[in-house]
Protein backbone atom coordinates (compact mmCIF):
# COMPACT_ATOMS: atom_id res chain seq x y z
CA UNK A 1 0.16 -0.43 0.18
CA UNK A 2 2.15 2.34 0.74
CA UNK A 3 4.30 1.84 -2.57
CA UNK A 4 1.26 2.09 -4.39
CA UNK A 5 0.84 5.88 -2.53
CA UNK A 6 4.25 6.76 -3.49
CA UNK A 7 4.01 6.00 -6.66
CA UNK A 8 0.94 8.11 -7.20
CA UNK A 9 2.90 10.91 -5.72
CA UNK A 10 5.74 10.56 -8.65
CA UNK A 11 2.99 10.62 -11.39
CA UNK A 12 1.45 13.63 -9.61
CA UNK A 13 4.28 15.52 -9.22
CA UNK A 14 5.33 14.78 -13.17
CA UNK A 15 1.69 15.58 -13.80
CA UNK A 16 2.46 19.21 -12.49
CA UNK A 17 6.07 19.43 -13.43
CA UNK A 18 7.46 22.86 -14.32
CA UNK A 19 10.21 24.06 -17.17
CA UNK A 20 12.60 25.98 -15.48
CA UNK A 21 14.82 27.76 -17.91
CA UNK A 22 18.57 27.15 -17.95
CA UNK A 23 20.71 29.60 -16.62
CA UNK A 24 23.64 31.14 -18.72
CA UNK A 25 27.34 30.26 -17.40
CA UNK A 26 28.01 34.11 -17.89
CA UNK A 27 25.21 35.41 -15.33
CA UNK A 28 22.35 32.87 -14.10
CA UNK A 29 19.92 36.00 -14.46
CA UNK A 30 20.53 35.60 -18.36
CA UNK A 31 18.17 32.16 -19.43
CA UNK A 32 17.25 30.20 -22.27
CA UNK A 33 14.96 27.09 -22.63
CA UNK A 34 13.61 24.77 -25.51
CA UNK A 35 10.24 25.14 -26.34
CA UNK A 36 7.45 22.74 -25.22
CA UNK A 37 3.78 23.67 -26.03
CA UNK A 38 2.61 21.03 -23.23
CA UNK A 39 4.84 22.30 -20.76
CA UNK A 40 4.48 25.24 -18.24
CA UNK A 41 7.53 27.82 -17.82
CA UNK A 42 8.37 28.89 -14.53
CA UNK A 43 9.51 32.59 -14.70
CA UNK A 44 11.20 34.36 -11.32
CA UNK A 45 10.67 38.15 -11.03
CA UNK A 46 11.63 40.41 -8.51
CA UNK A 47 10.23 43.80 -7.28
CA UNK A 48 11.57 47.22 -8.51
CA UNK A 49 13.47 44.62 -11.89
CA UNK A 50 11.86 43.92 -15.31
CA UNK A 51 12.01 40.54 -16.91
CA UNK A 52 12.06 40.07 -20.58
CA UNK A 53 10.99 37.13 -22.31
CA UNK A 54 11.91 36.71 -25.75
CA UNK A 55 10.47 34.68 -28.45
CA UNK A 56 11.20 33.49 -32.21
CA UNK A 57 12.31 36.47 -34.23
CA UNK A 58 9.49 35.24 -37.19
CA UNK A 59 6.38 35.17 -34.32
CA UNK A 60 4.18 38.23 -33.20
CA UNK A 61 2.38 38.48 -29.79
CA UNK A 62 -1.46 38.67 -30.59
CA UNK A 63 -2.89 38.09 -27.22
CA UNK A 64 -1.51 38.51 -23.64
CA UNK A 65 -3.63 37.14 -20.73
CA UNK A 66 -2.73 37.02 -16.75
CA UNK A 67 -4.26 35.82 -13.76
CA UNK A 68 -3.24 38.94 -11.56
CA UNK A 69 -3.48 41.53 -13.68
CA UNK A 70 -3.49 44.24 -10.80
CA UNK A 71 -0.35 43.21 -9.61
CA UNK A 72 1.41 42.68 -12.62
CA UNK A 73 2.35 45.47 -15.60
CA UNK A 74 2.82 43.46 -18.94
CA UNK A 75 3.91 45.47 -22.02
CA UNK A 76 4.82 43.50 -25.30
CA UNK A 77 6.51 44.42 -28.58
CA UNK A 78 6.80 41.95 -31.74
CA UNK A 79 8.09 38.96 -30.37
CA UNK A 80 9.04 39.92 -26.55
CA UNK A 81 6.67 40.63 -23.68
CA UNK A 82 8.15 42.80 -20.51
CA UNK A 83 6.86 41.68 -17.10
CA UNK A 84 6.82 43.92 -13.91
CA UNK A 85 5.26 43.02 -10.66
CA UNK A 86 3.62 46.37 -9.17
CA UNK A 87 1.45 47.83 -6.53
CA UNK A 88 -2.16 48.73 -6.69
CA UNK A 89 -4.68 50.58 -4.69
CA UNK A 90 -7.28 48.55 -2.90
CA UNK A 91 -10.05 51.18 -1.50
CA UNK A 92 -7.82 53.78 0.57
CA UNK A 93 -5.26 51.31 1.02
CA UNK A 94 -1.88 50.51 -1.36
CA UNK A 95 -0.94 46.72 -1.22
CA UNK A 96 2.90 46.21 -2.39
CA UNK A 97 3.91 43.37 -3.97
CA UNK A 98 5.15 40.48 -1.61
CA UNK A 99 6.19 37.03 -2.63
CA UNK A 100 3.17 35.36 -0.34
CA UNK A 101 0.41 36.96 -2.59
CA UNK A 102 1.36 37.48 -6.18
CA UNK A 103 2.48 34.37 -7.93
CA UNK A 104 0.08 34.30 -10.49
CA UNK A 105 0.06 32.44 -14.19
CA UNK A 106 0.54 33.91 -17.83
CA UNK A 107 -0.80 33.22 -21.28
CA UNK A 108 0.85 34.44 -24.51
CA UNK A 109 -0.54 33.91 -27.82
CA UNK A 110 1.72 34.70 -30.98
CA UNK A 111 0.85 34.09 -34.47
CA UNK A 112 2.55 30.60 -34.17
CA UNK A 113 2.32 29.37 -30.82
CA UNK A 114 0.69 29.18 -27.30
CA UNK A 115 2.99 30.09 -24.33
CA UNK A 116 1.79 29.09 -20.63
CA UNK A 117 4.08 30.57 -17.72
CA UNK A 118 3.77 30.50 -13.43
CA UNK A 119 5.10 34.02 -12.49
CA UNK A 120 6.52 33.95 -9.18
CA UNK A 121 7.76 36.41 -7.11
CA UNK A 122 10.91 36.18 -5.54
CA UNK A 123 12.94 38.26 -2.66
CA UNK A 124 16.44 36.53 -3.48
CA UNK A 125 18.76 37.25 -6.38
CA UNK A 126 17.28 33.93 -8.44
CA UNK A 127 14.87 36.59 -10.37
CA UNK A 128 15.15 36.32 -14.29
CA UNK A 129 16.17 39.56 -16.55
CA UNK A 130 15.58 37.72 -20.35
CA UNK A 131 14.28 34.31 -21.01
CA UNK A 132 15.11 33.40 -24.73
CA UNK A 133 13.23 30.52 -25.86
CA UNK A 134 14.94 28.28 -28.23
CA UNK A 135 13.50 26.16 -31.14
CA UNK A 136 14.87 22.50 -31.65
CA UNK A 137 12.25 20.88 -33.85
CA UNK A 138 12.52 24.38 -35.96
CA UNK A 139 16.13 23.71 -36.22
CA UNK A 140 16.02 20.42 -37.05
CA UNK A 141 13.45 21.38 -39.65
CA UNK A 142 15.69 24.15 -41.47
CA UNK A 143 18.68 21.61 -41.54
CA UNK A 144 16.26 18.66 -43.57
CA UNK A 145 15.36 21.12 -45.73
CA UNK A 146 18.70 21.98 -46.64
CA UNK A 147 20.24 18.61 -46.69
CA UNK A 148 17.06 17.68 -49.15
CA UNK A 149 17.68 20.87 -51.48
CA UNK A 150 21.82 20.03 -51.43
CA UNK A 151 20.52 16.87 -52.55
CA UNK A 152 18.22 18.01 -55.04
CA UNK A 153 20.92 20.21 -56.53
CA UNK A 154 23.64 17.19 -56.32
CA UNK A 155 21.14 15.19 -58.26
CA UNK A 156 20.29 18.04 -60.68
CA UNK A 157 24.03 17.95 -61.37
CA UNK A 158 24.12 14.21 -62.13
CA UNK A 159 21.27 14.70 -64.23
CA UNK A 160 23.08 17.56 -66.23
CA UNK A 161 26.17 15.79 -66.27
CA UNK A 162 24.37 12.88 -67.84
CA UNK A 163 22.86 14.51 -70.46
CA UNK A 164 25.97 16.15 -71.60
CA UNK A 165 26.62 12.72 -72.90
CA UNK A 166 23.84 13.14 -75.43
CA UNK A 167 24.55 16.87 -76.69
CA UNK A 168 26.43 15.86 -79.89
CA UNK A 169 24.45 17.32 -82.70
CA UNK A 170 22.94 14.39 -85.01
CA UNK A 171 20.21 16.28 -86.81
CA UNK A 172 19.58 20.09 -87.91
CA UNK A 173 17.43 19.60 -90.32
CA UNK A 174 13.83 21.14 -88.96
CA UNK A 175 11.56 23.67 -90.15
CA UNK A 176 9.21 26.09 -88.41
CA UNK A 177 5.74 27.28 -89.03
CA UNK A 178 5.32 30.75 -87.11
CA UNK A 179 1.43 31.64 -86.33
CA UNK A 180 0.46 35.61 -86.55
CA UNK A 181 2.06 37.86 -83.82
CA UNK A 182 3.99 34.58 -82.95
CA UNK A 183 7.61 36.16 -83.74
CA UNK A 184 8.37 36.46 -79.81
CA UNK A 185 8.84 32.44 -79.01
CA UNK A 186 10.33 31.25 -82.34
CA UNK A 187 13.56 29.82 -81.76
CA UNK A 188 17.10 30.38 -82.74
CA UNK A 189 18.17 27.08 -83.53
CA UNK A 190 16.33 23.32 -82.96
CA UNK A 191 19.02 20.04 -83.16
CA UNK A 192 18.09 16.51 -81.86
CA UNK A 193 21.23 14.19 -80.88
CA UNK A 194 18.84 11.01 -81.54
CA UNK A 195 17.64 11.34 -78.11
CA UNK A 196 16.44 14.52 -76.85
CA UNK A 197 15.18 17.67 -78.86
CA UNK A 198 17.24 21.05 -78.03
CA UNK A 199 15.61 24.20 -78.79
CA UNK A 200 17.49 27.43 -78.25
CA UNK A 201 16.23 31.23 -77.54
CA UNK A 202 17.73 33.85 -76.95
CA UNK A 203 16.95 36.70 -73.81
CA UNK A 204 15.12 38.50 -75.64
CA UNK A 205 12.92 35.91 -76.52
CA UNK A 206 9.60 34.68 -74.30
CA UNK A 207 10.03 30.97 -73.37
CA UNK A 208 7.03 29.05 -74.51
CA UNK A 209 5.15 25.76 -73.23
CA UNK A 210 6.51 22.54 -75.52
CA UNK A 211 3.68 20.13 -76.73
CA UNK A 212 3.74 17.20 -79.30
CA UNK A 213 1.29 15.19 -81.16
CA UNK A 214 0.35 11.62 -79.84
CA UNK A 215 -2.71 11.13 -82.32
CA UNK A 216 -4.13 14.05 -82.65
CA UNK A 217 -3.80 15.25 -79.11
CA UNK A 218 -1.24 17.62 -77.75
CA UNK A 219 0.30 16.28 -75.13
CA UNK A 220 2.65 18.19 -72.93
CA UNK A 221 6.34 17.68 -73.21
CA UNK A 222 8.58 16.82 -70.25
CA UNK A 223 11.37 19.27 -70.47
CA UNK A 224 14.39 20.84 -68.45
CA UNK A 225 16.13 23.63 -69.01
CA UNK A 226 20.12 24.41 -69.77
CA UNK A 227 21.41 28.01 -70.01
CA UNK A 228 24.62 29.24 -71.55
CA UNK A 229 26.16 32.48 -72.03
CA UNK A 230 24.14 33.39 -74.70
CA UNK A 231 21.20 31.48 -75.01
CA UNK A 232 18.54 29.54 -72.82
CA UNK A 233 18.04 25.95 -74.40
CA UNK A 234 14.92 24.31 -73.89
CA UNK A 235 15.59 20.25 -73.85
CA UNK A 236 12.76 18.00 -74.62
CA UNK A 237 13.08 14.54 -73.64
CA UNK A 238 12.16 12.83 -76.70
CA UNK A 239 12.67 13.56 -80.65
CA UNK A 240 9.15 14.02 -82.20
CA UNK A 241 7.73 14.47 -86.02
CA UNK A 242 6.40 17.91 -85.14
CA UNK A 243 6.37 20.09 -81.66
CA UNK A 244 3.80 22.61 -80.77
CA UNK A 245 5.05 25.81 -78.95
CA UNK A 246 2.60 28.38 -77.26
CA UNK A 247 2.28 31.00 -75.16
CA UNK A 248 -1.08 32.62 -74.59
CA UNK A 249 -2.22 33.12 -78.60
CA UNK A 250 1.16 32.82 -79.79
CA UNK A 251 2.22 29.76 -81.81
CA UNK A 252 4.94 27.88 -83.79
CA UNK A 253 5.16 24.59 -85.09
CA UNK A 254 8.50 22.86 -85.26
CA UNK A 255 8.78 19.77 -88.07
CA UNK A 256 11.68 17.38 -88.12
CA UNK A 257 12.26 16.74 -91.37
CA UNK A 258 14.36 13.67 -90.76
CA UNK A 259 12.10 11.96 -87.98
CA UNK A 260 12.36 8.70 -88.45
CA UNK A 261 15.37 8.34 -90.76
CA UNK A 262 18.47 6.19 -89.35
CA UNK A 263 21.18 8.28 -89.05
CA UNK A 264 24.66 6.87 -88.59
CA UNK A 265 26.58 8.00 -85.05
CA UNK A 266 28.85 9.94 -87.50
CA UNK A 267 26.23 11.41 -89.90
CA UNK A 268 24.99 15.03 -89.50
CA UNK A 269 21.59 16.33 -91.42
CA UNK A 270 21.88 20.42 -92.35
CA UNK A 271 21.11 22.80 -91.54
CA UNK A 272 21.85 24.52 -88.51
CA UNK A 273 19.52 27.56 -89.74
CA UNK A 274 15.78 26.84 -89.36
CA UNK A 275 13.78 27.45 -92.40
CA UNK A 276 10.71 29.84 -91.66
CA UNK A 277 7.54 29.66 -92.72
CA UNK A 278 5.35 32.50 -91.43
CA UNK A 279 1.38 31.75 -91.54
């Protein structure tokens, strides 16, 4: 029975445990702690001193509620809140702050989180000057996002290196049909390497969406982009008899005049200048 009661006391202690900030090794009044939305944080204050609580730089305080508002002054500014115990007048009597009656709770709501505090008035030098919150979960997510970004860049680099293996032009034999008022999306060159089609645009051109025909239906092409000093090159991940370039009402058709012809590895069809037909 005694053991059972002892376990209940331990569990009750866990259920009501306070999270106390850790003191800086330079000054115990400068404190920090990791944010935990399921814990209540104890903040010690002292008469005649201001305590500041500092939240994440990307947070803005939207609401502050304190249990004993007569005995505490609160001021908030963006991601900071300042606390100070104060005397108050009851009828004709001025009641000064004292450690036996001034303890209360504080709830702060920001645009991202809710913080809960126990405010404790102390007579010793154990008061807090500044309490800084840290956010290990956010830092972990940032590191993960950075690793994913680096991984994506490495994959893109590998893909581009792989792409370089197929960039030897084999077929320049393309002609172009330009729709009315569609000059801004006309490519400056088109060729393929037998596997992919390369369509180049100078900087003054508008980069269009690129489609190909599957039967009588237009299908969006899978593409990637390569940038050189002079050109933006859209790499279409296939060769096709006809490609359609579209941007708004502008349209350009590109016809592969050597599509389906057997090209030897050392054979290159000409010419490098696209034949233009305006329609």
